[in-house]
Amino acid sequence: MQDTFIDIKALDMDARGVGHLPDNEDGTPGKVIFVEGALPGERVSFETLRKKKNWESGRMVTLARASSMRVEPKCPEFAHCGGCSMQHLEPSAQVAIKQRVLEDNLWHIGKVKPETVMRPMYGPTWGYRYRARLSVRYVAKKETVLVGFHERSSSYVADMKDCKILPPHVAQMLMPLRELVRSLSIYTRMPQIEVAVGEDVTALVLRIMEPLTAADEELIKAFADQWNIQWWLQPKGPDTAAPYYPLGKELYYTLPEFGIRMPFKPTDFTQVNHQINRLLVHKALGLLEVQKTDRVADLFCGLGNFTLPLATQAREVVGIEGSTALTIRALENAKANGLSEKTSFSTRNLFEVTKDDLIALGKFDRMLVDPPRDGAVALALALAELRETHPEMMPRRIVYVSCSPSTLARDAGILVHRAGYVLKKAGVVNMFPHTSHVESVGVFELPE
């Protein structure tokens, strides 16, 4: 059977090349094809993995014409590991494509265009991933344990012997971790290992579904001593994770520009890329243009990653989060950093926030929003209603930090077309190099 070649015109959100089969005999456009491993400008043949009426997906078989943006992947596991999807694409081109994804989403979904497209924010492209969840699987046929990310589009665990996006000292532990797990009595009852790297401590969280034996405890303590790490044990959900050995070490990261020291647990949500997080906090606060007299809201505040730096610049900052446990710990962080007098924290379900909730919270001069992938549509709608009844309560400027360009675009459409804001600026943050994940920032302002 002769191979079918197609020309790749773009990349989709999963970093697959997008092309079309030749037009049909009746003149209608050919089927859309999504090809793993193909880049814009390339001509490739492919094998089909999934077929639907209007589209197919597959993987590249033959590369007939290569893109000038193609590079040799640095990681030997790239072909099958699901941890990365863009190592074959030159890093600056990765950022440019993510910027295009953001702009396309803003226009096609939200029908908005920023007045200014900001220069992308980026940092180190290797060894940046300070947070990771590694799956653990015992493979009976090979009588071995695998520790790593899942294979691409698969529930299988990749046979990772190295990883270029993890910090080198963590990557060096991958093979020793396999040996350690295999030596434990519960090697078939440990589904994952959580990794969290702080300033002075690297913590590994063992998800254990049965208690450790005395012999197991001796083995993992020896591993901790050898590799200079701290073990945490997690018998059930994330809230059950607790430090095990050695005790007395604190996991934290810093924001030196603001004199902030942020303790966290390895199962907490924190940004995986500490260098980019510092840059993002600096940029977001600069874009918010906080004045010393301002009252500022930090919505989806988490542990206070933006709240505490904001408190060094504003009159008052109110952090709001959906978890009482998180707001309590954010207040503890504020006290530890001497900022409790300028901060307060409230627990509210921001996915159901209303106009009346905003009124009850009082007027904010500025607002920072950093939601999860679902976005902040309820907030955008509440602000649109607030404009109709209490326009004097509207925050003058909003900085929206997003981990999903599609939900940012949806919410931007509401903020611009219904709440009366102008999208002054937007740009991408390359928080996850070599992946298709797009982090971005939008700046909204009420017109004079």
Protein backbone atom coordinates (compact mmCIF):
# COMPACT_ATOMS: atom_id res chain seq x y z
CA MET A 1 0.00 0.00 0.00
CA GLN A 2 1.42 3.37 -1.06
CA ASP A 3 2.03 5.92 1.70
CA THR A 4 -0.17 9.02 1.75
CA PHE A 5 1.80 12.24 2.14
CA ILE A 6 0.33 15.48 3.47
CA ASP A 7 1.64 18.99 4.10
CA ILE A 8 1.54 20.17 7.72
CA LYS A 9 0.16 23.69 8.14
CA ALA A 10 -0.08 24.17 11.93
CA LEU A 11 0.16 22.61 15.40
CA ASP A 12 -2.85 21.83 17.57
CA MET A 13 -3.12 22.19 21.37
CA ASP A 14 -1.50 18.78 21.83
CA ALA A 15 1.50 19.72 19.66
CA ARG A 16 0.35 17.48 16.80
CA GLY A 17 0.89 18.60 13.23
CA VAL A 18 -2.32 19.55 11.41
CA GLY A 19 -2.79 18.83 7.70
CA HIS A 20 -5.47 17.74 5.24
CA LEU A 21 -5.94 14.91 2.81
CA PRO A 22 -6.30 15.99 -0.84
CA ASP A 23 -9.68 17.46 -1.80
CA ASN A 24 -12.40 14.97 -2.59
CA GLU A 25 -13.57 14.33 -6.16
CA ASP A 26 -16.64 16.49 -5.56
CA GLY A 27 -14.41 19.42 -4.61
CA THR A 28 -15.06 19.31 -0.87
CA PRO A 29 -12.04 19.70 1.42
CA GLY A 30 -10.14 16.57 2.41
CA LYS A 31 -10.30 15.17 5.92
CA VAL A 32 -8.31 16.90 8.68
CA ILE A 33 -5.31 14.83 9.86
CA PHE A 34 -3.53 15.26 13.23
CA VAL A 35 -0.03 13.79 13.14
CA GLU A 36 2.17 13.20 16.21
CA GLY A 37 5.76 14.25 15.62
CA ALA A 38 5.07 16.48 12.58
CA LEU A 39 5.80 20.23 12.45
CA PRO A 40 4.43 23.12 10.39
CA GLY A 41 6.05 23.34 6.96
CA GLU A 42 6.83 19.63 6.79
CA ARG A 43 5.66 17.00 4.33
CA VAL A 44 5.07 13.64 5.99
CA SER A 45 3.42 10.28 5.63
CA PHE A 46 1.56 8.84 8.60
CA GLU A 47 -0.06 5.77 10.05
CA THR A 48 -3.60 6.20 11.34
CA LEU A 49 -4.22 5.51 15.03
CA ARG A 50 -7.79 6.77 15.23
CA LYS A 51 -10.30 7.42 12.47
CA LYS A 52 -13.51 9.47 12.53
CA LYS A 53 -15.85 10.71 9.82
CA ASN A 54 -14.29 14.19 9.58
CA TRP A 55 -10.79 13.64 10.96
CA GLU A 56 -8.04 11.15 11.68
CA SER A 57 -5.15 11.10 14.11
CA GLY A 58 -1.91 9.23 13.69
CA ARG A 59 1.85 9.28 14.01
CA MET A 60 4.49 10.28 11.50
CA VAL A 61 6.11 7.48 9.50
CA THR A 62 8.19 9.25 6.85
CA LEU A 63 9.59 12.77 6.93
CA ALA A 64 9.87 13.83 3.28
CA ARG A 65 10.55 17.52 3.95
CA ALA A 66 11.81 18.76 7.32
CA SER A 67 11.06 22.10 8.94
CA SER A 68 13.92 24.49 9.65
CA MET A 69 12.53 24.60 13.21
CA ARG A 70 13.14 20.86 13.77
CA VAL A 71 15.89 19.91 16.22
CA GLU A 72 17.15 16.64 17.64
CA PRO A 73 15.34 15.87 20.93
CA LYS A 74 17.73 16.05 23.86
CA CYS A 75 16.00 13.30 25.84
CA PRO A 76 16.38 9.69 24.64
CA GLU A 77 12.92 8.91 26.06
CA PHE A 78 11.15 11.62 24.03
CA ALA A 79 9.72 9.30 21.38
CA HIS A 80 7.45 7.53 23.85
CA CYS A 81 7.40 9.50 27.13
CA GLY A 82 4.36 11.69 27.72
CA GLY A 83 6.24 14.21 29.86
CA CYS A 84 7.13 16.32 26.80
CA SER A 85 5.57 16.81 23.37
CA MET A 86 7.72 19.50 21.71
CA GLN A 87 11.41 18.62 22.20
CA HIS A 88 11.72 18.21 18.43
CA LEU A 89 10.85 21.91 18.00
CA GLU A 90 13.41 24.68 18.54
CA PRO A 91 12.63 26.40 21.91
CA SER A 92 12.04 29.92 20.57
CA ALA A 93 9.69 28.46 17.97
CA GLN A 94 7.80 26.69 20.76
CA VAL A 95 7.19 30.05 22.42
CA ALA A 96 6.13 31.68 19.14
CA ILE A 97 3.59 28.93 18.49
CA LYS A 98 2.18 29.27 22.01
CA GLN A 99 1.81 33.00 21.46
CA ARG A 100 -0.12 32.29 18.27
CA VAL A 101 -2.35 29.81 20.13
CA LEU A 102 -3.19 32.50 22.69
CA GLU A 103 -3.99 35.13 20.05
CA ASP A 104 -6.10 32.69 18.01
CA ASN A 105 -8.08 31.67 21.10
CA LEU A 106 -8.68 35.26 22.16
CA TRP A 107 -10.06 36.12 18.74
CA HIS A 108 -11.96 32.98 17.78
CA ILE A 109 -13.47 32.31 21.23
CA GLY A 110 -13.68 35.71 22.89
CA LYS A 111 -13.76 37.96 19.81
CA VAL A 112 -11.14 40.19 21.42
CA LYS A 113 -7.68 41.39 20.49
CA PRO A 114 -5.18 42.89 22.94
CA GLU A 115 -4.06 46.44 22.25
CA THR A 116 -0.50 45.23 22.90
CA VAL A 117 0.95 41.74 22.56
CA MET A 118 3.56 41.45 25.28
CA ARG A 119 6.96 39.93 24.78
CA PRO A 120 6.83 36.28 25.95
CA MET A 121 8.22 35.42 29.37
CA TYR A 122 10.61 32.48 29.39
CA GLY A 123 13.55 31.04 31.30
CA PRO A 124 15.64 27.84 31.46
CA THR A 125 14.40 25.14 29.09
CA TRP A 126 16.01 22.15 30.85
CA GLY A 127 16.00 20.98 34.46
CA TYR A 128 13.17 23.35 35.29
CA ARG A 129 10.51 20.97 36.63
CA TYR A 130 10.67 21.28 40.41
CA ARG A 131 7.32 19.55 40.89
CA ALA A 132 6.36 16.19 39.35
CA ARG A 133 4.17 13.19 39.94
CA LEU A 134 5.95 9.99 38.93
CA SER A 135 3.90 6.85 38.43
CA VAL A 136 5.20 3.56 39.85
CA ARG A 137 4.38 0.20 38.24
CA TYR A 138 5.65 -3.33 38.76
CA VAL A 139 5.93 -5.12 35.41
CA ALA A 140 5.58 -8.80 36.20
CA LYS A 141 6.72 -10.02 32.78
CA LYS A 142 10.03 -8.21 33.15
CA GLU A 143 10.18 -8.57 36.93
CA THR A 144 11.08 -4.91 37.21
CA VAL A 145 9.65 -1.67 38.57
CA LEU A 146 9.18 1.41 36.38
CA VAL A 147 9.22 4.92 37.84
CA GLY A 148 8.36 7.81 35.54
CA PHE A 149 5.77 9.67 33.52
CA HIS A 150 3.09 7.87 31.53
CA GLU A 151 3.77 7.01 27.94
CA ARG A 152 2.18 9.34 25.41
CA SER A 153 -1.61 8.76 25.19
CA SER A 154 -1.27 5.63 27.29
CA SER A 155 -1.78 4.31 30.81
CA TYR A 156 1.60 2.53 30.63
CA VAL A 157 4.59 3.99 32.47
CA ALA A 158 7.51 5.04 30.28
CA ASP A 159 10.77 3.14 30.73
CA MET A 160 12.62 6.29 31.85
CA LYS A 161 16.28 6.00 32.71
CA ASP A 162 16.86 9.76 32.59
CA CYS A 163 14.83 12.96 32.30
CA LYS A 164 16.10 16.28 30.99
CA ILE A 165 13.29 18.46 32.33
CA LEU A 166 13.69 17.29 35.93
CA PRO A 167 16.52 18.84 37.98
CA PRO A 168 19.66 16.74 37.40
CA HIS A 169 19.85 15.52 40.99
CA VAL A 170 16.27 14.20 40.71
CA ALA A 171 16.84 12.61 37.30
CA GLN A 172 19.85 10.77 38.72
CA MET A 173 17.57 9.10 41.27
CA LEU A 174 15.22 7.49 38.73
CA MET A 175 17.08 4.19 38.40
CA PRO A 176 17.98 3.96 42.12
CA LEU A 177 14.32 4.60 42.94
CA ARG A 178 13.36 1.60 40.80
CA GLU A 179 15.76 -0.58 42.77
CA LEU A 180 14.52 0.81 46.08
CA VAL A 181 10.85 0.22 45.33
CA ARG A 182 11.52 -3.31 44.09
CA SER A 183 13.31 -4.10 47.35
CA LEU A 184 10.34 -3.05 49.52
CA SER A 185 7.72 -5.51 50.73
CA ILE A 186 4.89 -3.39 49.27
CA TYR A 187 6.40 -2.83 45.82
CA THR A 188 3.05 -3.66 44.16
CA ARG A 189 1.14 -1.32 46.49
CA MET A 190 2.89 1.98 45.71
CA PRO A 191 1.20 3.73 42.77
CA GLN A 192 3.16 6.99 42.71
CA ILE A 193 5.98 9.13 44.03
CA GLU A 194 5.45 12.89 44.27
CA VAL A 195 8.54 15.07 43.81
CA ALA A 196 8.86 18.59 45.23
CA VAL A 197 12.12 20.55 45.18
CA GLY A 198 12.51 23.48 47.56
CA GLU A 199 15.37 25.87 48.24
CA ASP A 200 17.19 23.53 50.64
CA VAL A 201 15.15 20.33 50.61
CA THR A 202 14.04 17.81 48.00
CA ALA A 203 10.97 15.95 49.23
CA LEU A 204 9.69 12.63 47.85
CA VAL A 205 6.18 11.53 48.83
CA LEU A 206 5.56 7.78 48.80
CA ARG A 207 1.92 6.93 48.16
CA ILE A 208 1.65 3.74 50.21
CA MET A 209 -1.46 1.57 50.18
CA GLU A 210 -0.13 -0.71 52.94
CA PRO A 211 2.06 0.11 55.99
CA LEU A 212 5.81 -0.19 55.69
CA THR A 213 7.56 -3.00 57.52
CA ALA A 214 10.52 -2.39 59.82
CA ALA A 215 12.84 -3.63 57.05
CA ASP A 216 11.18 -1.24 54.57
CA GLU A 217 11.73 1.66 56.95
CA GLU A 218 15.43 0.92 57.23
CA LEU A 219 15.78 0.80 53.44
CA ILE A 220 14.05 4.11 52.77
CA LYS A 221 15.96 5.84 55.59
CA ALA A 222 19.24 4.66 54.09
CA PHE A 223 18.11 5.97 50.68
CA ALA A 224 17.29 9.37 52.21
CA ASP A 225 20.72 9.57 53.81
CA GLN A 226 22.48 8.56 50.59
CA TRP A 227 20.59 10.94 48.28
CA ASN A 228 20.02 13.79 50.76
CA ILE A 229 16.24 13.84 50.39
CA GLN A 230 13.31 13.94 52.79
CA TRP A 231 10.64 11.25 52.70
CA TRP A 232 6.96 11.96 53.21
CA LEU A 233 4.39 9.17 53.49
CA GLN A 234 0.86 9.42 52.07
CA PRO A 235 -1.43 6.53 53.14
CA LYS A 236 -4.64 7.98 51.64
CA GLY A 237 -5.54 11.33 50.03
CA PRO A 238 -3.16 14.31 49.63
CA ASP A 239 -4.18 15.71 53.04
CA THR A 240 -2.73 12.63 54.75
CA ALA A 241 0.81 13.29 53.48
CA ALA A 242 3.20 13.89 56.40
CA PRO A 243 6.98 14.15 56.79
CA TYR A 244 8.60 10.85 57.79
CA TYR A 245 12.41 11.01 57.59
CA PRO A 246 14.43 13.00 58.33
CA LEU A 247 12.29 15.34 60.43
CA GLY A 248 13.07 18.98 61.17
CA LYS A 249 13.50 20.12 57.56
CA GLU A 250 11.17 22.70 56.00
CA LEU A 251 10.18 22.73 52.34
CA TYR A 252 9.94 26.30 51.00
CA TYR A 253 10.62 28.56 48.05
CA THR A 254 11.54 32.23 48.01
CA LEU A 255 10.58 35.40 46.19
CA PRO A 256 13.77 37.39 46.89
CA GLU A 257 12.57 40.59 45.19
CA PHE A 258 9.87 40.92 47.84
CA GLY A 259 11.69 39.31 50.77
CA ILE A 260 9.14 36.47 50.86
CA ARG A 261 9.77 32.96 52.15
CA MET A 262 6.93 30.55 51.28
CA PRO A 263 6.69 27.23 53.16
CA PHE A 264 4.68 24.57 51.33
CA LYS A 265 3.84 20.88 51.43
CA PRO A 266 4.94 18.64 48.55
CA THR A 267 1.29 17.85 47.76
CA ASP A 268 0.30 21.55 47.62
CA PHE A 269 -0.26 23.32 44.34
CA THR A 270 2.81 25.43 43.63
CA GLN A 271 4.28 26.39 40.27
CA VAL A 272 6.59 23.71 38.88
CA ASN A 273 9.07 26.26 37.55
CA HIS A 274 10.50 28.41 40.36
CA GLN A 275 12.50 30.70 38.07
CA ILE A 276 9.48 31.50 35.92
CA ASN A 277 7.27 31.90 38.99
CA ARG A 278 9.57 34.67 40.26
CA LEU A 279 9.42 36.36 36.87
CA LEU A 280 5.64 35.93 36.70
CA VAL A 281 5.05 37.47 40.13
CA HIS A 282 7.31 40.40 39.23
CA LYS A 283 5.53 40.91 35.89
CA ALA A 284 1.99 40.52 37.24
CA LEU A 285 2.52 43.06 40.00
CA GLY A 286 4.10 45.49 37.56
CA LEU A 287 1.15 45.12 35.20
CA LEU A 288 -1.33 45.65 38.03
CA GLU A 289 0.30 49.05 38.76
CA VAL A 290 -0.49 48.83 42.47
CA GLN A 291 -0.49 52.09 44.44
CA LYS A 292 0.24 52.37 48.17
CA THR A 293 -3.35 53.46 48.81
CA ASP A 294 -4.96 50.55 46.90
CA ARG A 295 -7.18 47.81 48.26
CA VAL A 296 -6.43 44.73 46.16
CA ALA A 297 -8.17 41.35 45.72
CA ASP A 298 -6.17 38.20 44.99
CA LEU A 299 -8.70 35.62 43.78
CA PHE A 300 -7.78 31.90 43.76
CA CYS A 301 -4.94 32.95 46.06
CA GLY A 302 -3.74 29.49 47.14
CA LEU A 303 -0.94 29.76 49.69
CA GLY A 304 -0.44 33.47 48.94
CA ASN A 305 2.00 33.34 46.02
CA PHE A 306 0.73 36.72 44.77
CA THR A 307 -0.99 37.90 47.97
CA LEU A 308 2.15 38.35 50.04
CA PRO A 309 4.17 40.23 47.38
CA LEU A 310 1.10 42.43 46.80
CA ALA A 311 0.98 43.21 50.52
CA THR A 312 4.45 44.77 50.28
CA GLN A 313 3.04 47.34 47.85
CA ALA A 314 -0.65 47.94 48.63
CA ARG A 315 -2.63 49.33 51.58
CA GLU A 316 -4.61 46.09 51.98
CA VAL A 317 -4.81 42.76 50.18
CA VAL A 318 -7.70 40.28 50.48
CA GLY A 319 -6.88 36.72 49.42
CA ILE A 320 -9.81 34.49 48.50
CA GLU A 321 -9.65 30.74 47.96
CA GLY A 322 -12.14 27.86 47.92
CA SER A 323 -10.33 25.79 50.57
CA THR A 324 -10.41 26.74 54.26
CA ALA A 325 -7.23 24.72 54.84
CA LEU A 326 -5.43 26.81 52.21
CA THR A 327 -6.66 30.17 53.53
CA ILE A 328 -5.54 29.19 57.05
CA ARG A 329 -2.08 28.31 55.79
CA ALA A 330 -1.92 31.45 53.65
CA LEU A 331 -2.59 33.49 56.80
CA GLU A 332 0.18 31.56 58.57
CA ASN A 333 2.53 32.44 55.71
CA ALA A 334 1.52 36.10 55.97
CA LYS A 335 2.29 36.08 59.71
CA ALA A 336 5.63 34.37 59.15
CA ASN A 337 6.58 37.10 56.67
CA GLY A 338 5.36 39.97 58.89
CA LEU A 339 2.49 40.88 56.56
CA SER A 340 -0.58 39.82 58.56
CA GLU A 341 -1.64 43.42 59.31
CA LYS A 342 -2.00 44.15 55.59
CA THR A 343 -3.61 40.86 54.56
CA SER A 344 -6.83 39.00 55.24
CA PHE A 345 -8.08 35.74 53.78
CA SER A 346 -11.57 34.49 53.02
CA THR A 347 -12.94 31.11 51.95
CA ARG A 348 -15.48 31.31 49.12
CA ASN A 349 -16.47 29.17 46.16
CA LEU A 350 -15.27 31.42 43.35
CA PHE A 351 -16.83 29.14 40.75
CA GLU A 352 -20.22 30.31 42.05
CA VAL A 353 -19.38 33.92 43.00
CA THR A 354 -22.17 36.46 42.38
CA LYS A 355 -22.58 40.20 42.11
CA ASP A 356 -23.88 40.28 45.70
CA ASP A 357 -20.75 38.47 46.89
CA LEU A 358 -18.59 41.14 45.25
CA ILE A 359 -20.64 43.91 46.86
CA ALA A 360 -20.29 42.24 50.27
CA LEU A 361 -16.52 42.09 49.90
CA GLY A 362 -16.34 45.85 49.35
CA LYS A 363 -14.70 47.93 46.67
CA PHE A 364 -11.36 46.82 45.27
CA ASP A 365 -9.14 49.19 43.34
CA ARG A 366 -7.35 46.35 41.59
CA MET A 367 -7.81 42.62 41.21
CA LEU A 368 -5.48 39.72 40.45
CA VAL A 369 -7.12 36.51 39.23
CA ASP A 370 -5.22 33.20 38.97
CA PRO A 371 -7.78 30.41 38.43
CA PRO A 372 -7.27 26.74 37.56
CA ARG A 373 -7.99 25.45 34.04
CA ASP A 374 -11.75 25.95 34.42
CA GLY A 375 -11.20 29.70 34.45
CA ALA A 376 -13.24 32.38 36.22
CA VAL A 377 -16.46 32.64 34.21
CA ALA A 378 -18.66 33.22 37.29
CA LEU A 379 -16.45 36.13 38.32
CA ALA A 380 -16.56 37.64 34.83
CA LEU A 381 -20.37 37.39 34.77
CA ALA A 382 -20.61 38.86 38.29
CA LEU A 383 -18.49 41.84 37.20
CA ALA A 384 -20.75 42.32 34.17
CA GLU A 385 -23.78 42.48 36.47
CA LEU A 386 -21.92 44.78 38.88
CA ARG A 387 -21.35 47.21 36.03
CA GLU A 388 -25.12 47.52 35.53
CA THR A 389 -26.03 48.19 39.16
CA HIS A 390 -22.91 49.39 41.02
CA PRO A 391 -20.38 50.71 38.47
CA GLU A 392 -18.55 52.58 41.23
CA MET A 393 -17.61 49.18 42.74
CA MET A 394 -15.74 47.98 39.67
CA PRO A 395 -11.97 47.39 40.07
CA ARG A 396 -10.10 49.75 37.79
CA ARG A 397 -7.57 47.16 36.56
CA ILE A 398 -7.51 43.35 36.50
CA VAL A 399 -4.53 41.10 35.83
CA TYR A 400 -5.68 37.61 34.86
CA VAL A 401 -3.08 34.81 35.05
CA SER A 402 -4.27 31.78 33.10
CA CYS A 403 -3.20 28.18 32.54
CA SER A 404 -5.76 27.69 29.74
CA PRO A 405 -5.91 30.04 26.73
CA SER A 406 -9.41 28.86 25.86
CA THR A 407 -10.97 29.72 29.22
CA LEU A 408 -9.02 32.99 29.36
CA ALA A 409 -10.45 33.83 25.93
CA ARG A 410 -13.99 32.94 27.02
CA ASP A 411 -13.72 35.09 30.16
CA ALA A 412 -12.02 37.90 28.24
CA GLY A 413 -15.01 38.04 25.90
CA ILE A 414 -17.32 38.58 28.89
CA LEU A 415 -15.04 41.15 30.55
CA VAL A 416 -14.70 43.17 27.35
CA HIS A 417 -18.12 42.88 25.71
CA ARG A 418 -20.30 42.82 28.83
CA ALA A 419 -18.31 44.24 31.75
CA GLY A 420 -16.85 47.15 29.78
CA TYR A 421 -13.16 46.44 30.17
CA VAL A 422 -10.48 46.93 27.53
CA LEU A 423 -7.94 44.16 26.96
CA LYS A 424 -4.83 46.31 27.18
CA LYS A 425 -2.18 43.60 26.99
CA ALA A 426 -1.78 39.84 26.68
CA GLY A 427 1.14 37.46 26.33
CA VAL A 428 2.40 33.98 27.09
CA VAL A 429 4.54 32.63 29.91
CA ASN A 430 6.61 29.59 28.99
CA MET A 431 6.13 27.86 32.33
CA PHE A 432 6.41 24.37 30.79
CA PRO A 433 9.08 24.27 28.04
CA HIS A 434 8.87 21.33 25.59
CA THR A 435 5.18 20.80 26.35
CA SER A 436 2.07 22.20 24.66
CA HIS A 437 0.89 23.75 27.93
CA VAL A 438 0.22 27.48 27.48
CA GLU A 439 0.37 29.80 30.50
CA SER A 440 -0.63 33.38 29.77
CA VAL A 441 -1.43 36.80 31.25
CA GLY A 442 -4.12 39.30 30.28
CA VAL A 443 -4.45 42.90 31.50
CA PHE A 444 -7.94 44.44 31.61
CA GLU A 445 -8.67 48.08 32.35
CA LEU A 446 -11.77 50.24 32.53
CA PRO A 447 -11.67 53.13 30.03
CA GLU A 448 -11.44 56.67 31.37
